[in-house]
Amino acid sequence: MQQQNVNPNVQGSQPMEQVPEIVSTKDQLYITDMLSWNLNACKKAHFFAEQCQTPELQQALEDAGQMHQRHYNKILEHLNTSPQKMN
């Protein structure tokens, strides 16, 4: 006998016509985590670059820190952009 993993509340339901214009709690927590991860990685890379004596490694760490800073800023940019209405 095969076991089916079907949610009885979903049977026969139609797919969404349009994505809801809300941010769920789970979405908000994930966005917060992404911002925290990128900010923390940026700070750590900058800190270790300052401690480093090898110029090539120092530059690689600075580059990594700048990449995480760009990602952080890009996420904020997306959050500050108003959604475009589609007709």
N, C-alpha and C. Protein backbone atom coordinates (compact mmCIF):
# COMPACT_ATOMS: atom_id res chain seq x y z
N MET A 1 0.85 -1.18 0.00
CA MET A 1 0.00 0.00 0.00
C MET A 1 0.89 1.24 0.00
N GLN A 2 0.64 2.15 -0.92
CA GLN A 2 1.41 3.39 -0.98
C GLN A 2 0.78 4.45 -0.10
N GLN A 3 1.67 5.21 0.51
CA GLN A 3 1.21 6.29 1.37
C GLN A 3 1.19 7.58 0.56
N GLN A 4 0.10 8.29 0.60
CA GLN A 4 0.00 9.54 -0.13
C GLN A 4 0.11 10.71 0.84
N ASN A 5 0.96 11.66 0.48
CA ASN A 5 1.14 12.86 1.30
C ASN A 5 0.34 14.00 0.68
N VAL A 6 -0.96 13.91 0.75
CA VAL A 6 -1.83 14.93 0.18
C VAL A 6 -2.56 15.61 1.31
N ASN A 7 -2.50 16.92 1.31
CA ASN A 7 -3.21 17.70 2.31
C ASN A 7 -4.69 17.73 1.91
N PRO A 8 -5.59 17.25 2.77
CA PRO A 8 -7.01 17.21 2.39
C PRO A 8 -7.60 18.60 2.16
N ASN A 9 -7.02 19.63 2.73
CA ASN A 9 -7.53 20.99 2.54
C ASN A 9 -7.19 21.55 1.17
N VAL A 10 -6.23 20.94 0.48
CA VAL A 10 -5.75 21.45 -0.78
C VAL A 10 -6.37 20.71 -1.97
N GLN A 11 -6.94 19.55 -1.75
CA GLN A 11 -7.50 18.76 -2.83
C GLN A 11 -8.55 19.56 -3.59
N GLY A 12 -8.40 19.58 -4.89
CA GLY A 12 -9.38 20.25 -5.72
C GLY A 12 -9.25 21.76 -5.76
N SER A 13 -8.30 22.33 -5.07
CA SER A 13 -8.16 23.78 -5.08
C SER A 13 -7.46 24.23 -6.35
N GLN A 14 -7.74 25.43 -6.77
CA GLN A 14 -7.16 26.00 -7.98
C GLN A 14 -5.89 26.77 -7.62
N PRO A 15 -4.92 26.82 -8.54
CA PRO A 15 -3.72 27.62 -8.27
C PRO A 15 -4.08 29.10 -8.19
N MET A 16 -3.24 29.85 -7.47
CA MET A 16 -3.48 31.29 -7.33
C MET A 16 -3.39 31.98 -8.68
N GLU A 17 -4.30 32.88 -8.92
CA GLU A 17 -4.28 33.69 -10.13
C GLU A 17 -3.20 34.75 -10.06
N GLN A 18 -2.99 35.27 -8.86
CA GLN A 18 -2.05 36.36 -8.66
C GLN A 18 -1.37 36.18 -7.30
N VAL A 19 -0.12 36.56 -7.21
CA VAL A 19 0.61 36.47 -5.95
C VAL A 19 0.04 37.51 -4.99
N PRO A 20 -0.21 37.14 -3.74
CA PRO A 20 -0.73 38.12 -2.78
C PRO A 20 0.26 39.25 -2.53
N GLU A 21 -0.26 40.42 -2.27
CA GLU A 21 0.59 41.59 -2.05
C GLU A 21 0.90 41.75 -0.57
N ILE A 22 1.32 40.67 0.06
CA ILE A 22 1.68 40.71 1.48
C ILE A 22 3.02 40.02 1.67
N VAL A 23 3.64 40.31 2.77
CA VAL A 23 4.86 39.62 3.16
C VAL A 23 4.50 38.83 4.41
N SER A 24 4.62 37.53 4.32
CA SER A 24 4.27 36.69 5.46
C SER A 24 5.33 36.82 6.56
N THR A 25 5.00 36.32 7.71
CA THR A 25 5.96 36.33 8.83
C THR A 25 7.20 35.53 8.45
N LYS A 26 7.01 34.40 7.79
CA LYS A 26 8.13 33.58 7.37
C LYS A 26 9.01 34.34 6.38
N ASP A 27 8.39 35.05 5.43
CA ASP A 27 9.14 35.87 4.47
C ASP A 27 9.95 36.94 5.19
N GLN A 28 9.31 37.61 6.12
CA GLN A 28 9.96 38.69 6.86
C GLN A 28 11.15 38.17 7.66
N LEU A 29 11.01 37.02 8.27
CA LEU A 29 12.11 36.44 9.03
C LEU A 29 13.27 36.05 8.11
N TYR A 30 12.95 35.51 6.94
CA TYR A 30 14.00 35.13 5.99
C TYR A 30 14.73 36.37 5.48
N ILE A 31 14.01 37.44 5.18
CA ILE A 31 14.64 38.68 4.73
C ILE A 31 15.54 39.25 5.82
N THR A 32 15.06 39.21 7.06
CA THR A 32 15.86 39.68 8.19
C THR A 32 17.15 38.87 8.30
N ASP A 33 17.03 37.55 8.14
CA ASP A 33 18.22 36.69 8.19
C ASP A 33 19.19 37.03 7.06
N MET A 34 18.68 37.24 5.84
CA MET A 34 19.56 37.57 4.72
C MET A 34 20.32 38.87 4.98
N LEU A 35 19.62 39.86 5.51
CA LEU A 35 20.27 41.13 5.83
C LEU A 35 21.33 40.92 6.91
N SER A 36 21.00 40.17 7.95
CA SER A 36 21.95 39.91 9.03
C SER A 36 23.18 39.16 8.55
N TRP A 37 22.96 38.12 7.73
CA TRP A 37 24.08 37.33 7.22
C TRP A 37 25.03 38.19 6.40
N ASN A 38 24.47 39.01 5.53
CA ASN A 38 25.33 39.83 4.67
C ASN A 38 26.05 40.91 5.45
N LEU A 39 25.37 41.54 6.40
CA LEU A 39 26.02 42.56 7.21
C LEU A 39 27.12 41.96 8.06
N ASN A 40 26.85 40.81 8.67
CA ASN A 40 27.85 40.15 9.50
C ASN A 40 29.07 39.72 8.66
N ALA A 41 28.82 39.15 7.49
CA ALA A 41 29.92 38.72 6.62
C ALA A 41 30.75 39.92 6.16
N CYS A 42 30.09 41.04 5.87
CA CYS A 42 30.79 42.26 5.46
C CYS A 42 31.71 42.75 6.59
N LYS A 43 31.18 42.80 7.80
CA LYS A 43 31.96 43.27 8.94
C LYS A 43 33.14 42.34 9.24
N LYS A 44 32.90 41.03 9.19
CA LYS A 44 33.97 40.07 9.47
C LYS A 44 35.08 40.16 8.42
N ALA A 45 34.69 40.24 7.15
CA ALA A 45 35.70 40.32 6.08
C ALA A 45 36.55 41.59 6.26
N HIS A 46 35.92 42.70 6.58
CA HIS A 46 36.66 43.95 6.79
C HIS A 46 37.60 43.83 8.00
N PHE A 47 37.10 43.24 9.08
CA PHE A 47 37.93 43.06 10.28
C PHE A 47 39.15 42.20 9.97
N PHE A 48 38.94 41.06 9.31
CA PHE A 48 40.06 40.17 9.02
C PHE A 48 41.01 40.76 7.99
N ALA A 49 40.51 41.57 7.09
CA ALA A 49 41.38 42.24 6.12
C ALA A 49 42.31 43.21 6.84
N GLU A 50 41.81 43.89 7.87
CA GLU A 50 42.65 44.80 8.65
C GLU A 50 43.73 44.05 9.42
N GLN A 51 43.46 42.83 9.83
CA GLN A 51 44.41 42.03 10.61
C GLN A 51 45.44 41.32 9.74
N CYS A 52 45.14 41.21 8.46
CA CYS A 52 45.94 40.41 7.54
C CYS A 52 47.22 41.15 7.13
N GLN A 53 48.32 40.39 6.99
CA GLN A 53 49.59 40.96 6.57
C GLN A 53 49.89 40.71 5.09
N THR A 54 49.22 39.76 4.49
CA THR A 54 49.45 39.41 3.10
C THR A 54 48.57 40.27 2.20
N PRO A 55 49.17 41.09 1.33
CA PRO A 55 48.37 42.00 0.50
C PRO A 55 47.33 41.30 -0.38
N GLU A 56 47.69 40.16 -0.96
CA GLU A 56 46.73 39.46 -1.83
C GLU A 56 45.53 38.96 -1.04
N LEU A 57 45.79 38.42 0.14
CA LEU A 57 44.72 37.93 0.99
C LEU A 57 43.88 39.10 1.52
N GLN A 58 44.57 40.18 1.86
CA GLN A 58 43.87 41.37 2.34
C GLN A 58 42.91 41.89 1.26
N GLN A 59 43.36 41.93 0.02
CA GLN A 59 42.51 42.40 -1.08
C GLN A 59 41.34 41.45 -1.31
N ALA A 60 41.59 40.15 -1.23
CA ALA A 60 40.52 39.16 -1.41
C ALA A 60 39.45 39.32 -0.33
N LEU A 61 39.87 39.56 0.91
CA LEU A 61 38.93 39.77 2.00
C LEU A 61 38.13 41.06 1.82
N GLU A 62 38.80 42.11 1.38
CA GLU A 62 38.10 43.38 1.12
C GLU A 62 37.08 43.20 0.00
N ASP A 63 37.48 42.47 -1.05
CA ASP A 63 36.56 42.21 -2.16
C ASP A 63 35.33 41.43 -1.68
N ALA A 64 35.57 40.43 -0.84
CA ALA A 64 34.46 39.64 -0.31
C ALA A 64 33.54 40.52 0.55
N GLY A 65 34.14 41.37 1.36
CA GLY A 65 33.35 42.28 2.19
C GLY A 65 32.51 43.23 1.35
N GLN A 66 33.10 43.75 0.28
CA GLN A 66 32.36 44.65 -0.61
C GLN A 66 31.22 43.93 -1.32
N MET A 67 31.45 42.67 -1.69
CA MET A 67 30.39 41.87 -2.32
C MET A 67 29.20 41.74 -1.36
N HIS A 68 29.48 41.41 -0.10
CA HIS A 68 28.39 41.26 0.88
C HIS A 68 27.70 42.60 1.13
N GLN A 69 28.45 43.68 1.09
CA GLN A 69 27.84 45.00 1.26
C GLN A 69 26.93 45.32 0.08
N ARG A 70 27.34 44.96 -1.14
CA ARG A 70 26.48 45.17 -2.32
C ARG A 70 25.20 44.34 -2.20
N HIS A 71 25.33 43.09 -1.74
CA HIS A 71 24.15 42.25 -1.58
C HIS A 71 23.19 42.85 -0.54
N TYR A 72 23.75 43.32 0.57
CA TYR A 72 22.95 43.96 1.62
C TYR A 72 22.20 45.16 1.06
N ASN A 73 22.92 46.01 0.32
CA ASN A 73 22.30 47.20 -0.26
C ASN A 73 21.26 46.84 -1.31
N LYS A 74 21.49 45.78 -2.08
CA LYS A 74 20.54 45.35 -3.11
C LYS A 74 19.24 44.86 -2.46
N ILE A 75 19.35 44.13 -1.35
CA ILE A 75 18.16 43.68 -0.64
C ILE A 75 17.37 44.88 -0.14
N LEU A 76 18.06 45.86 0.45
CA LEU A 76 17.38 47.07 0.93
C LEU A 76 16.73 47.82 -0.23
N GLU A 77 17.41 47.86 -1.36
CA GLU A 77 16.87 48.53 -2.55
C GLU A 77 15.55 47.86 -2.98
N HIS A 78 15.54 46.53 -2.98
CA HIS A 78 14.31 45.81 -3.33
C HIS A 78 13.20 46.08 -2.33
N LEU A 79 13.54 46.17 -1.06
CA LEU A 79 12.54 46.42 -0.04
C LEU A 79 11.97 47.83 -0.12
N ASN A 80 12.78 48.77 -0.59
CA ASN A 80 12.33 50.16 -0.67
C ASN A 80 11.64 50.49 -1.98
N THR A 81 11.58 49.54 -2.90
CA THR A 81 10.95 49.75 -4.19
C THR A 81 9.48 49.43 -4.09
N SER A 82 8.64 50.33 -4.59
CA SER A 82 7.21 50.04 -4.57
C SER A 82 6.89 49.05 -5.69
N PRO A 83 5.96 48.15 -5.44
CA PRO A 83 5.64 47.15 -6.47
C PRO A 83 5.00 47.80 -7.68
N GLN A 84 5.33 47.29 -8.86
CA GLN A 84 4.76 47.80 -10.10
C GLN A 84 3.45 47.07 -10.37
N LYS A 85 2.42 47.80 -10.66
CA LYS A 85 1.13 47.20 -10.98
C LYS A 85 1.15 46.71 -12.41
N MET A 86 0.69 45.48 -12.61
CA MET A 86 0.63 44.91 -13.95
C MET A 86 -0.81 44.98 -14.43
N ASN A 87 -1.00 45.38 -15.67
CA ASN A 87 -2.36 45.46 -16.24
C ASN A 87 -2.65 44.25 -17.07
